[in-house]
Amino acid sequence: GDSPGFLLWRATLRWQRGVAAALAPLHLTHVQFVLLACAWW
């Protein structure tokens, strides 16, 4: 809990789970979303 890298790892995993859950109904993975969104933009 005193390691910034470990805390970042845990936070990143929690954030990724939230994003994956948000994208699941749209049938997109996180990386598919990023590339589609960037291409669209």
PDB file of all heavy atoms in Angstrom:
ATOM      1  N   GLY A   1       0.793  -1.220   0.000  1.00  0.00           N
ATOM      2  CA  GLY A   1       0.000   0.000   0.000  1.00  0.00           C
ATOM      3  C   GLY A   1       0.822   1.264   0.000  1.00  0.00           C
ATOM      4  O   GLY A   1       0.295   2.361  -0.184  1.00  0.00           O
ATOM      5  N   ASP A   2       2.143   1.131   0.218  1.00  0.00           N
ATOM      6  CA  ASP A   2       3.051   2.280   0.182  1.00  0.00           C
ATOM      7  C   ASP A   2       3.851   2.337  -1.123  1.00  0.00           C
ATOM      8  O   ASP A   2       4.755   3.149  -1.256  1.00  0.00           O
ATOM      9  CB  ASP A   2       4.026   2.225   1.364  1.00  0.00           C
ATOM     10  CG  ASP A   2       3.309   2.376   2.698  1.00  0.00           C
ATOM     11  OD1 ASP A   2       2.253   3.047   2.734  1.00  0.00           O
ATOM     12  OD2 ASP A   2       3.799   1.810   3.695  1.00  0.00           O
ATOM     13  N   SER A   3       3.536   1.468  -2.055  1.00  0.00           N
ATOM     14  CA  SER A   3       4.249   1.423  -3.334  1.00  0.00           C
ATOM     15  C   SER A   3       3.411   2.112  -4.415  1.00  0.00           C
ATOM     16  O   SER A   3       2.343   1.617  -4.781  1.00  0.00           O
ATOM     17  CB  SER A   3       4.496  -0.040  -3.738  1.00  0.00           C
ATOM     18  OG  SER A   3       4.962  -0.096  -5.069  1.00  0.00           O
ATOM     19  N   PRO A   4       3.866   3.255  -4.950  1.00  0.00           N
ATOM     20  CA  PRO A   4       3.084   3.945  -5.981  1.00  0.00           C
ATOM     21  C   PRO A   4       2.815   3.061  -7.199  1.00  0.00           C
ATOM     22  O   PRO A   4       1.717   3.088  -7.765  1.00  0.00           O
ATOM     23  CB  PRO A   4       3.949   5.149  -6.361  1.00  0.00           C
ATOM     24  CG  PRO A   4       4.922   5.313  -5.266  1.00  0.00           C
ATOM     25  CD  PRO A   4       5.096   3.976  -4.621  1.00  0.00           C
ATOM     26  N   GLY A   5       3.808   2.277  -7.593  1.00  0.00           N
ATOM     27  CA  GLY A   5       3.624   1.411  -8.756  1.00  0.00           C
ATOM     28  C   GLY A   5       2.550   0.370  -8.531  1.00  0.00           C
ATOM     29  O   GLY A   5       1.717   0.101  -9.404  1.00  0.00           O
ATOM     30  N   PHE A   6       2.557  -0.246  -7.354  1.00  0.00           N
ATOM     31  CA  PHE A   6       1.546  -1.254  -7.045  1.00  0.00           C
ATOM     32  C   PHE A   6       0.154  -0.622  -6.969  1.00  0.00           C
ATOM     33  O   PHE A   6      -0.825  -1.174  -7.473  1.00  0.00           O
ATOM     34  CB  PHE A   6       1.888  -1.974  -5.739  1.00  0.00           C
ATOM     35  CG  PHE A   6       0.940  -3.091  -5.414  1.00  0.00           C
ATOM     36  CD1 PHE A   6       0.926  -4.251  -6.185  1.00  0.00           C
ATOM     37  CD2 PHE A   6       0.058  -2.993  -4.355  1.00  0.00           C
ATOM     38  CE1 PHE A   6       0.049  -5.294  -5.902  1.00  0.00           C
ATOM     39  CE2 PHE A   6      -0.819  -4.032  -4.061  1.00  0.00           C
ATOM     40  CZ  PHE A   6      -0.828  -5.180  -4.831  1.00  0.00           C
ATOM     41  N   LEU A   7       0.065   0.555  -6.358  1.00  0.00           N
ATOM     42  CA  LEU A   7      -1.224   1.246  -6.272  1.00  0.00           C
ATOM     43  C   LEU A   7      -1.736   1.633  -7.663  1.00  0.00           C
ATOM     44  O   LEU A   7      -2.930   1.509  -7.946  1.00  0.00           O
ATOM     45  CB  LEU A   7      -1.113   2.479  -5.371  1.00  0.00           C
ATOM     46  CG  LEU A   7      -0.914   2.176  -3.885  1.00  0.00           C
ATOM     47  CD1 LEU A   7      -0.621   3.465  -3.124  1.00  0.00           C
ATOM     48  CD2 LEU A   7      -2.126   1.457  -3.312  1.00  0.00           C
ATOM     49  N   LEU A   8      -0.817   2.076  -8.516  1.00  0.00           N
ATOM     50  CA  LEU A   8      -1.213   2.411  -9.890  1.00  0.00           C
ATOM     51  C   LEU A   8      -1.716   1.164 -10.613  1.00  0.00           C
ATOM     52  O   LEU A   8      -2.705   1.202 -11.339  1.00  0.00           O
ATOM     53  CB  LEU A   8      -0.054   3.046 -10.650  1.00  0.00           C
ATOM     54  CG  LEU A   8      -0.326   3.437 -12.099  1.00  0.00           C
ATOM     55  CD1 LEU A   8      -1.460   4.458 -12.194  1.00  0.00           C
ATOM     56  CD2 LEU A   8       0.946   3.989 -12.738  1.00  0.00           C
ATOM     57  N   TRP A   9      -1.016   0.048 -10.418  1.00  0.00           N
ATOM     58  CA  TRP A   9      -1.431  -1.225 -11.011  1.00  0.00           C
ATOM     59  C   TRP A   9      -2.858  -1.569 -10.582  1.00  0.00           C
ATOM     60  O   TRP A   9      -3.710  -1.898 -11.403  1.00  0.00           O
ATOM     61  CB  TRP A   9      -0.444  -2.319 -10.583  1.00  0.00           C
ATOM     62  CG  TRP A   9      -0.882  -3.703 -10.904  1.00  0.00           C
ATOM     63  CD1 TRP A   9      -1.352  -4.632 -10.030  1.00  0.00           C
ATOM     64  CD2 TRP A   9      -0.904  -4.327 -12.192  1.00  0.00           C
ATOM     65  NE1 TRP A   9      -1.652  -5.798 -10.686  1.00  0.00           N
ATOM     66  CE2 TRP A   9      -1.390  -5.630 -12.017  1.00  0.00           C
ATOM     67  CE3 TRP A   9      -0.555  -3.901 -13.466  1.00  0.00           C
ATOM     68  CZ2 TRP A   9      -1.536  -6.520 -13.067  1.00  0.00           C
ATOM     69  CZ3 TRP A   9      -0.702  -4.796 -14.518  1.00  0.00           C
ATOM     70  CH2 TRP A   9      -1.183  -6.075 -14.314  1.00  0.00           C
ATOM     71  N   ARG A  10      -3.132  -1.486  -9.284  1.00  0.00           N
ATOM     72  CA  ARG A  10      -4.455  -1.829  -8.768  1.00  0.00           C
ATOM     73  C   ARG A  10      -5.514  -0.868  -9.297  1.00  0.00           C
ATOM     74  O   ARG A  10      -6.606  -1.285  -9.690  1.00  0.00           O
ATOM     75  CB  ARG A  10      -4.443  -1.814  -7.236  1.00  0.00           C
ATOM     76  CG  ARG A  10      -3.544  -2.840  -6.566  1.00  0.00           C
ATOM     77  CD  ARG A  10      -4.084  -4.261  -6.681  1.00  0.00           C
ATOM     78  NE  ARG A  10      -5.428  -4.412  -6.211  1.00  0.00           N
ATOM     79  CZ  ARG A  10      -5.793  -4.767  -4.984  1.00  0.00           C
ATOM     80  NH1 ARG A  10      -4.881  -5.029  -4.078  1.00  0.00           N
ATOM     81  NH2 ARG A  10      -7.067  -4.885  -4.667  1.00  0.00           N
ATOM     82  N   ALA A  11      -5.197   0.418  -9.308  1.00  0.00           N
ATOM     83  CA  ALA A  11      -6.150   1.413  -9.808  1.00  0.00           C
ATOM     84  C   ALA A  11      -6.424   1.194 -11.291  1.00  0.00           C
ATOM     85  O   ALA A  11      -7.574   1.281 -11.747  1.00  0.00           O
ATOM     86  CB  ALA A  11      -5.613   2.827  -9.564  1.00  0.00           C
ATOM     87  N   THR A  12      -5.373   0.895 -12.058  1.00  0.00           N
ATOM     88  CA  THR A  12      -5.530   0.658 -13.490  1.00  0.00           C
ATOM     89  C   THR A  12      -6.427  -0.540 -13.755  1.00  0.00           C
ATOM     90  O   THR A  12      -7.313  -0.487 -14.613  1.00  0.00           O
ATOM     91  CB  THR A  12      -4.155   0.456 -14.158  1.00  0.00           C
ATOM     92  OG1 THR A  12      -3.373   1.632 -13.954  1.00  0.00           O
ATOM     93  CG2 THR A  12      -4.294   0.193 -15.642  1.00  0.00           C
ATOM     94  N   LEU A  13      -6.233  -1.611 -13.007  1.00  0.00           N
ATOM     95  CA  LEU A  13      -7.073  -2.795 -13.178  1.00  0.00           C
ATOM     96  C   LEU A  13      -8.544  -2.486 -12.862  1.00  0.00           C
ATOM     97  O   LEU A  13      -9.448  -2.916 -13.583  1.00  0.00           O
ATOM     98  CB  LEU A  13      -6.573  -3.947 -12.304  1.00  0.00           C
ATOM     99  CG  LEU A  13      -5.238  -4.559 -12.725  1.00  0.00           C
ATOM    100  CD1 LEU A  13      -4.809  -5.608 -11.703  1.00  0.00           C
ATOM    101  CD2 LEU A  13      -5.324  -5.155 -14.119  1.00  0.00           C
ATOM    102  N   ARG A  14      -8.767  -1.739 -11.786  1.00  0.00           N
ATOM    103  CA  ARG A  14     -10.142  -1.365 -11.422  1.00  0.00           C
ATOM    104  C   ARG A  14     -10.772  -0.494 -12.506  1.00  0.00           C
ATOM    105  O   ARG A  14     -11.916  -0.702 -12.905  1.00  0.00           O
ATOM    106  CB  ARG A  14     -10.137  -0.644 -10.070  1.00  0.00           C
ATOM    107  CG  ARG A  14     -11.516  -0.573  -9.451  1.00  0.00           C
ATOM    108  CD  ARG A  14     -11.465   0.039  -8.043  1.00  0.00           C
ATOM    109  NE  ARG A  14     -12.319   1.198  -8.094  1.00  0.00           N
ATOM    110  CZ  ARG A  14     -11.949   2.452  -7.955  1.00  0.00           C
ATOM    111  NH1 ARG A  14     -10.704   2.750  -7.695  1.00  0.00           N
ATOM    112  NH2 ARG A  14     -12.807   3.422  -8.043  1.00  0.00           N
ATOM    113  N   TRP A  15      -9.998   0.460 -13.029  1.00  0.00           N
ATOM    114  CA  TRP A  15     -10.499   1.325 -14.095  1.00  0.00           C
ATOM    115  C   TRP A  15     -10.801   0.504 -15.351  1.00  0.00           C
ATOM    116  O   TRP A  15     -11.851   0.676 -15.974  1.00  0.00           O
ATOM    117  CB  TRP A  15      -9.474   2.421 -14.387  1.00  0.00           C
ATOM    118  CG  TRP A  15      -9.779   3.225 -15.608  1.00  0.00           C
ATOM    119  CD1 TRP A  15     -10.775   4.163 -15.745  1.00  0.00           C
ATOM    120  CD2 TRP A  15      -9.109   3.154 -16.859  1.00  0.00           C
ATOM    121  NE1 TRP A  15     -10.741   4.685 -17.017  1.00  0.00           N
ATOM    122  CE2 TRP A  15      -9.731   4.080 -17.717  1.00  0.00           C
ATOM    123  CE3 TRP A  15      -8.045   2.412 -17.330  1.00  0.00           C
ATOM    124  CZ2 TRP A  15      -9.311   4.281 -19.022  1.00  0.00           C
ATOM    125  CZ3 TRP A  15      -7.629   2.606 -18.619  1.00  0.00           C
ATOM    126  CH2 TRP A  15      -8.260   3.532 -19.458  1.00  0.00           C
ATOM    127  N   GLN A  16      -9.890  -0.405 -15.719  1.00  0.00           N
ATOM    128  CA  GLN A  16     -10.101  -1.226 -16.907  1.00  0.00           C
ATOM    129  C   GLN A  16     -11.343  -2.097 -16.785  1.00  0.00           C
ATOM    130  O   GLN A  16     -12.073  -2.274 -17.765  1.00  0.00           O
ATOM    131  CB  GLN A  16      -8.877  -2.104 -17.187  1.00  0.00           C
ATOM    132  CG  GLN A  16      -7.694  -1.315 -17.702  1.00  0.00           C
ATOM    133  CD  GLN A  16      -6.441  -2.166 -17.861  1.00  0.00           C
ATOM    134  OE1 GLN A  16      -6.274  -3.179 -17.198  1.00  0.00           O
ATOM    135  NE2 GLN A  16      -5.560  -1.728 -18.747  1.00  0.00           N
ATOM    136  N   ARG A  17     -11.604  -2.630 -15.604  1.00  0.00           N
ATOM    137  CA  ARG A  17     -12.820  -3.426 -15.409  1.00  0.00           C
ATOM    138  C   ARG A  17     -14.060  -2.573 -15.637  1.00  0.00           C
ATOM    139  O   ARG A  17     -15.030  -3.027 -16.251  1.00  0.00           O
ATOM    140  CB  ARG A  17     -12.844  -4.039 -14.010  1.00  0.00           C
ATOM    141  CG  ARG A  17     -11.941  -5.243 -13.859  1.00  0.00           C
ATOM    142  CD  ARG A  17     -12.191  -6.001 -12.547  1.00  0.00           C
ATOM    143  NE  ARG A  17     -11.947  -5.199 -11.355  1.00  0.00           N
ATOM    144  CZ  ARG A  17     -10.772  -5.085 -10.750  1.00  0.00           C
ATOM    145  NH1 ARG A  17      -9.706  -5.720 -11.229  1.00  0.00           N
ATOM    146  NH2 ARG A  17     -10.644  -4.352  -9.662  1.00  0.00           N
ATOM    147  N   GLY A  18     -14.043  -1.348 -15.159  1.00  0.00           N
ATOM    148  CA  GLY A  18     -15.182  -0.444 -15.357  1.00  0.00           C
ATOM    149  C   GLY A  18     -15.408  -0.115 -16.824  1.00  0.00           C
ATOM    150  O   GLY A  18     -16.541  -0.103 -17.306  1.00  0.00           O
ATOM    151  N   VAL A  19     -14.331   0.139 -17.546  1.00  0.00           N
ATOM    152  CA  VAL A  19     -14.431   0.442 -18.980  1.00  0.00           C
ATOM    153  C   VAL A  19     -14.917  -0.785 -19.747  1.00  0.00           C
ATOM    154  O   VAL A  19     -15.795  -0.683 -20.612  1.00  0.00           O
ATOM    155  CB  VAL A  19     -13.089   0.966 -19.541  1.00  0.00           C
ATOM    156  CG1 VAL A  19     -13.123   1.063 -21.060  1.00  0.00           C
ATOM    157  CG2 VAL A  19     -12.749   2.322 -18.923  1.00  0.00           C
ATOM    158  N   ALA A  20     -14.377  -1.950 -19.423  1.00  0.00           N
ATOM    159  CA  ALA A  20     -14.803  -3.180 -20.101  1.00  0.00           C
ATOM    160  C   ALA A  20     -16.287  -3.432 -19.888  1.00  0.00           C
ATOM    161  O   ALA A  20     -17.008  -3.813 -20.823  1.00  0.00           O
ATOM    162  CB  ALA A  20     -13.978  -4.370 -19.613  1.00  0.00           C
ATOM    163  N   ALA A  21     -16.764  -3.201 -18.673  1.00  0.00           N
ATOM    164  CA  ALA A  21     -18.198  -3.392 -18.383  1.00  0.00           C
ATOM    165  C   ALA A  21     -19.048  -2.392 -19.165  1.00  0.00           C
ATOM    166  O   ALA A  21     -20.130  -2.741 -19.652  1.00  0.00           O
ATOM    167  CB  ALA A  21     -18.447  -3.254 -16.881  1.00  0.00           C
ATOM    168  N   ALA A  22     -18.566  -1.166 -19.301  1.00  0.00           N
ATOM    169  CA  ALA A  22     -19.319  -0.152 -20.054  1.00  0.00           C
ATOM    170  C   ALA A  22     -19.383  -0.487 -21.542  1.00  0.00           C
ATOM    171  O   ALA A  22     -20.377  -0.183 -22.207  1.00  0.00           O
ATOM    172  CB  ALA A  22     -18.672   1.225 -19.852  1.00  0.00           C
ATOM    173  N   LEU A  23     -18.331  -1.117 -22.067  1.00  0.00           N
ATOM    174  CA  LEU A  23     -18.261  -1.422 -23.501  1.00  0.00           C
ATOM    175  C   LEU A  23     -18.895  -2.768 -23.861  1.00  0.00           C
ATOM    176  O   LEU A  23     -19.225  -2.997 -25.028  1.00  0.00           O
ATOM    177  CB  LEU A  23     -16.804  -1.405 -23.963  1.00  0.00           C
ATOM    178  CG  LEU A  23     -16.142  -0.029 -23.972  1.00  0.00           C
ATOM    179  CD1 LEU A  23     -14.650  -0.166 -24.215  1.00  0.00           C
ATOM    180  CD2 LEU A  23     -16.789   0.871 -25.018  1.00  0.00           C
ATOM    181  N   ALA A  24     -19.064  -3.647 -22.900  1.00  0.00           N
ATOM    182  CA  ALA A  24     -19.588  -4.988 -23.183  1.00  0.00           C
ATOM    183  C   ALA A  24     -20.927  -4.960 -23.922  1.00  0.00           C
ATOM    184  O   ALA A  24     -21.092  -5.690 -24.911  1.00  0.00           O
ATOM    185  CB  ALA A  24     -19.689  -5.805 -21.897  1.00  0.00           C
ATOM    186  N   PRO A  25     -21.892  -4.129 -23.516  1.00  0.00           N
ATOM    187  CA  PRO A  25     -23.166  -4.115 -24.246  1.00  0.00           C
ATOM    188  C   PRO A  25     -23.028  -3.650 -25.700  1.00  0.00           C
ATOM    189  O   PRO A  25     -23.895  -3.926 -26.533  1.00  0.00           O
ATOM    190  CB  PRO A  25     -24.037  -3.131 -23.457  1.00  0.00           C
ATOM    191  CG  PRO A  25     -23.388  -3.000 -22.124  1.00  0.00           C
ATOM    192  CD  PRO A  25     -21.929  -3.269 -22.340  1.00  0.00           C
ATOM    193  N   LEU A  26     -21.941  -2.962 -26.001  1.00  0.00           N
ATOM    194  CA  LEU A  26     -21.700  -2.464 -27.356  1.00  0.00           C
ATOM    195  C   LEU A  26     -20.834  -3.432 -28.166  1.00  0.00           C
ATOM    196  O   LEU A  26     -20.512  -3.158 -29.318  1.00  0.00           O
ATOM    197  CB  LEU A  26     -21.029  -1.086 -27.288  1.00  0.00           C
ATOM    198  CG  LEU A  26     -21.833  -0.018 -26.530  1.00  0.00           C
ATOM    199  CD1 LEU A  26     -21.021   1.260 -26.387  1.00  0.00           C
ATOM    200  CD2 LEU A  26     -23.161   0.248 -27.207  1.00  0.00           C
ATOM    201  N   HIS A  27     -20.447  -4.528 -27.549  1.00  0.00           N
ATOM    202  CA  HIS A  27     -19.647  -5.581 -28.195  1.00  0.00           C
ATOM    203  C   HIS A  27     -18.300  -5.064 -28.695  1.00  0.00           C
ATOM    204  O   HIS A  27     -17.856  -5.404 -29.788  1.00  0.00           O
ATOM    205  CB  HIS A  27     -20.433  -6.252 -29.328  1.00  0.00           C
ATOM    206  CG  HIS A  27     -21.769  -6.733 -28.893  1.00  0.00           C
ATOM    207  ND1 HIS A  27     -21.938  -7.822 -28.073  1.00  0.00           N
ATOM    208  CD2 HIS A  27     -23.019  -6.251 -29.126  1.00  0.00           C
ATOM    209  CE1 HIS A  27     -23.220  -7.999 -27.838  1.00  0.00           C
ATOM    210  NE2 HIS A  27     -23.903  -7.060 -28.443  1.00  0.00           N
ATOM    211  N   LEU A  28     -17.664  -4.246 -27.854  1.00  0.00           N
ATOM    212  CA  LEU A  28     -16.333  -3.726 -28.153  1.00  0.00           C
ATOM    213  C   LEU A  28     -15.395  -4.045 -27.000  1.00  0.00           C
ATOM    214  O   LEU A  28     -15.782  -3.932 -25.836  1.00  0.00           O
ATOM    215  CB  LEU A  28     -16.356  -2.203 -28.336  1.00  0.00           C
ATOM    216  CG  LEU A  28     -17.020  -1.631 -29.567  1.00  0.00           C
ATOM    217  CD1 LEU A  28     -17.093  -0.109 -29.454  1.00  0.00           C
ATOM    218  CD2 LEU A  28     -16.280  -2.029 -30.822  1.00  0.00           C
ATOM    219  N   THR A  29     -14.165  -4.412 -27.341  1.00  0.00           N
ATOM    220  CA  THR A  29     -13.129  -4.492 -26.319  1.00  0.00           C
ATOM    221  C   THR A  29     -12.587  -3.080 -26.120  1.00  0.00           C
ATOM    222  O   THR A  29     -12.860  -2.164 -26.916  1.00  0.00           O
ATOM    223  CB  THR A  29     -11.980  -5.420 -26.751  1.00  0.00           C
ATOM    224  OG1 THR A  29     -11.308  -4.831 -27.871  1.00  0.00           O
ATOM    225  CG2 THR A  29     -12.487  -6.816 -27.083  1.00  0.00           C
ATOM    226  N   HIS A  30     -11.788  -2.924 -25.074  1.00  0.00           N
ATOM    227  CA  HIS A  30     -11.227  -1.603 -24.798  1.00  0.00           C
ATOM    228  C   HIS A  30     -10.351  -1.114 -25.957  1.00  0.00           C
ATOM    229  O   HIS A  30     -10.473   0.026 -26.408  1.00  0.00           O
ATOM    230  CB  HIS A  30     -10.433  -1.662 -23.496  1.00  0.00           C
ATOM    231  CG  HIS A  30     -10.168  -0.315 -22.905  1.00  0.00           C
ATOM    232  ND1 HIS A  30      -9.746  -0.158 -21.631  1.00  0.00           N
ATOM    233  CD2 HIS A  30     -10.246   0.935 -23.415  1.00  0.00           C
ATOM    234  CE1 HIS A  30      -9.573   1.130 -21.373  1.00  0.00           C
ATOM    235  NE2 HIS A  30      -9.867   1.814 -22.446  1.00  0.00           N
ATOM    236  N   VAL A  31      -9.471  -1.966 -26.460  1.00  0.00           N
ATOM    237  CA  VAL A  31      -8.584  -1.538 -27.551  1.00  0.00           C
ATOM    238  C   VAL A  31      -9.379  -1.289 -28.835  1.00  0.00           C
ATOM    239  O   VAL A  31      -9.071  -0.355 -29.589  1.00  0.00           O
ATOM    240  CB  VAL A  31      -7.413  -2.522 -27.754  1.00  0.00           C
ATOM    241  CG1 VAL A  31      -7.856  -3.830 -28.350  1.00  0.00           C
ATOM    242  CG2 VAL A  31      -6.323  -1.891 -28.606  1.00  0.00           C
ATOM    243  N   GLN A  32     -10.410  -2.085 -29.098  1.00  0.00           N
ATOM    244  CA  GLN A  32     -11.267  -1.820 -30.266  1.00  0.00           C
ATOM    245  C   GLN A  32     -11.919  -0.450 -30.136  1.00  0.00           C
ATOM    246  O   GLN A  32     -11.971   0.319 -31.096  1.00  0.00           O
ATOM    247  CB  GLN A  32     -12.339  -2.903 -30.407  1.00  0.00           C
ATOM    248  CG  GLN A  32     -11.826  -4.231 -30.859  1.00  0.00           C
ATOM    249  CD  GLN A  32     -12.880  -5.319 -30.770  1.00  0.00           C
ATOM    250  OE1 GLN A  32     -14.004  -5.110 -30.306  1.00  0.00           O
ATOM    251  NE2 GLN A  32     -12.506  -6.516 -31.201  1.00  0.00           N
ATOM    252  N   PHE A  33     -12.380  -0.146 -28.933  1.00  0.00           N
ATOM    253  CA  PHE A  33     -12.985   1.165 -28.687  1.00  0.00           C
ATOM    254  C   PHE A  33     -11.992   2.286 -28.956  1.00  0.00           C
ATOM    255  O   PHE A  33     -12.310   3.262 -29.638  1.00  0.00           O
ATOM    256  CB  PHE A  33     -13.492   1.258 -27.241  1.00  0.00           C
ATOM    257  CG  PHE A  33     -13.643   2.681 -26.779  1.00  0.00           C
ATOM    258  CD1 PHE A  33     -14.676   3.472 -27.254  1.00  0.00           C
ATOM    259  CD2 PHE A  33     -12.725   3.249 -25.906  1.00  0.00           C
ATOM    260  CE1 PHE A  33     -14.799   4.803 -26.855  1.00  0.00           C
ATOM    261  CE2 PHE A  33     -12.838   4.558 -25.510  1.00  0.00           C
ATOM    262  CZ  PHE A  33     -13.879   5.346 -25.990  1.00  0.00           C
ATOM    263  N   VAL A  34     -10.793   2.163 -28.402  1.00  0.00           N
ATOM    264  CA  VAL A  34      -9.799   3.237 -28.551  1.00  0.00           C
ATOM    265  C   VAL A  34      -9.499   3.481 -30.029  1.00  0.00           C
ATOM    266  O   VAL A  34      -9.473   4.629 -30.490  1.00  0.00           O
ATOM    267  CB  VAL A  34      -8.517   2.920 -27.754  1.00  0.00           C
ATOM    268  CG1 VAL A  34      -7.393   3.879 -28.114  1.00  0.00           C
ATOM    269  CG2 VAL A  34      -8.791   2.965 -26.258  1.00  0.00           C
ATOM    270  N   LEU A  35      -9.289   2.417 -30.792  1.00  0.00           N
ATOM    271  CA  LEU A  35      -8.950   2.588 -32.206  1.00  0.00           C
ATOM    272  C   LEU A  35     -10.138   3.109 -33.008  1.00  0.00           C
ATOM    273  O   LEU A  35      -9.970   3.976 -33.878  1.00  0.00           O
ATOM    274  CB  LEU A  35      -8.415   1.279 -32.782  1.00  0.00           C
ATOM    275  CG  LEU A  35      -7.065   0.852 -32.195  1.00  0.00           C
ATOM    276  CD1 LEU A  35      -6.656  -0.513 -32.715  1.00  0.00           C
ATOM    277  CD2 LEU A  35      -5.980   1.882 -32.474  1.00  0.00           C
ATOM    278  N   LEU A  36     -11.326   2.618 -32.719  1.00  0.00           N
ATOM    279  CA  LEU A  36     -12.518   3.132 -33.403  1.00  0.00           C
ATOM    280  C   LEU A  36     -12.735   4.606 -33.073  1.00  0.00           C
ATOM    281  O   LEU A  36     -12.974   5.425 -33.965  1.00  0.00           O
ATOM    282  CB  LEU A  36     -13.758   2.313 -33.020  1.00  0.00           C
ATOM    283  CG  LEU A  36     -15.085   2.814 -33.598  1.00  0.00           C
ATOM    284  CD1 LEU A  36     -15.088   2.730 -35.126  1.00  0.00           C
ATOM    285  CD2 LEU A  36     -16.249   2.028 -32.996  1.00  0.00           C
ATOM    286  N   ALA A  37     -12.637   4.955 -31.795  1.00  0.00           N
ATOM    287  CA  ALA A  37     -12.850   6.343 -31.377  1.00  0.00           C
ATOM    288  C   ALA A  37     -11.806   7.271 -31.994  1.00  0.00           C
ATOM    289  O   ALA A  37     -12.143   8.377 -32.457  1.00  0.00           O
ATOM    290  CB  ALA A  37     -12.830   6.442 -29.851  1.00  0.00           C
ATOM    291  N   CYS A  38     -10.554   6.848 -32.021  1.00  0.00           N
ATOM    292  CA  CYS A  38      -9.503   7.680 -32.620  1.00  0.00           C
ATOM    293  C   CYS A  38      -9.725   7.840 -34.126  1.00  0.00           C
ATOM    294  O   CYS A  38      -9.581   8.950 -34.658  1.00  0.00           O
ATOM    295  CB  CYS A  38      -8.123   7.093 -32.334  1.00  0.00           C
ATOM    296  SG  CYS A  38      -7.553   7.304 -30.638  1.00  0.00           S
ATOM    297  N   ALA A  39     -10.047   6.754 -34.804  1.00  0.00           N
ATOM    298  CA  ALA A  39     -10.305   6.835 -36.256  1.00  0.00           C
ATOM    299  C   ALA A  39     -11.503   7.732 -36.527  1.00  0.00           C
ATOM    300  O   ALA A  39     -11.484   8.572 -37.441  1.00  0.00           O
ATOM    301  CB  ALA A  39     -10.534   5.442 -36.834  1.00  0.00           C
ATOM    302  N   TRP A  40     -12.554   7.575 -35.732  1.00  0.00           N
ATOM    303  CA  TRP A  40     -13.759   8.401 -35.898  1.00  0.00           C
ATOM    304  C   TRP A  40     -13.418   9.875 -35.680  1.00  0.00           C
ATOM    305  O   TRP A  40     -13.814  10.739 -36.464  1.00  0.00           O
ATOM    306  CB  TRP A  40     -14.831   7.934 -34.901  1.00  0.00           C
ATOM    307  CG  TRP A  40     -16.049   8.785 -34.882  1.00  0.00           C
ATOM    308  CD1 TRP A  40     -17.089   8.759 -35.768  1.00  0.00           C
ATOM    309  CD2 TRP A  40     -16.357   9.812 -33.930  1.00  0.00           C
ATOM    310  NE1 TRP A  40     -18.027   9.707 -35.415  1.00  0.00           N
ATOM    311  CE2 TRP A  40     -17.595  10.366 -34.285  1.00  0.00           C
ATOM    312  CE3 TRP A  40     -15.706  10.310 -32.807  1.00  0.00           C
ATOM    313  CZ2 TRP A  40     -18.197  11.389 -33.564  1.00  0.00           C
ATOM    314  CZ3 TRP A  40     -16.307  11.328 -32.083  1.00  0.00           C
ATOM    315  CH2 TRP A  40     -17.541  11.849 -32.471  1.00  0.00           C
ATOM    316  N   TRP A  41     -12.650  10.162 -34.620  1.00  0.00           N
ATOM    317  CA  TRP A  41     -12.284  11.543 -34.321  1.00  0.00           C
ATOM    318  C   TRP A  41     -11.463  12.137 -35.473  1.00  0.00           C
ATOM    319  O   TRP A  41     -11.728  13.251 -35.920  1.00  0.00           O
ATOM    320  CB  TRP A  41     -11.501  11.605 -33.008  1.00  0.00           C
ATOM    321  CG  TRP A  41     -11.258  13.007 -32.541  1.00  0.00           C
ATOM    322  CD1 TRP A  41     -12.080  13.776 -31.785  1.00  0.00           C
ATOM    323  CD2 TRP A  41     -10.107  13.811 -32.819  1.00  0.00           C
ATOM    324  NE1 TRP A  41     -11.514  15.007 -31.572  1.00  0.00           N
ATOM    325  CE2 TRP A  41     -10.306  15.052 -32.197  1.00  0.00           C
ATOM    326  CE3 TRP A  41      -8.931  13.593 -33.531  1.00  0.00           C
ATOM    327  CZ2 TRP A  41      -9.367  16.081 -32.267  1.00  0.00           C
ATOM    328  CZ3 TRP A  41      -8.005  14.615 -33.592  1.00  0.00           C
ATOM    329  CH2 TRP A  41      -8.227  15.851 -32.966  1.00  0.00           C
TER     330      TRP A  41
END
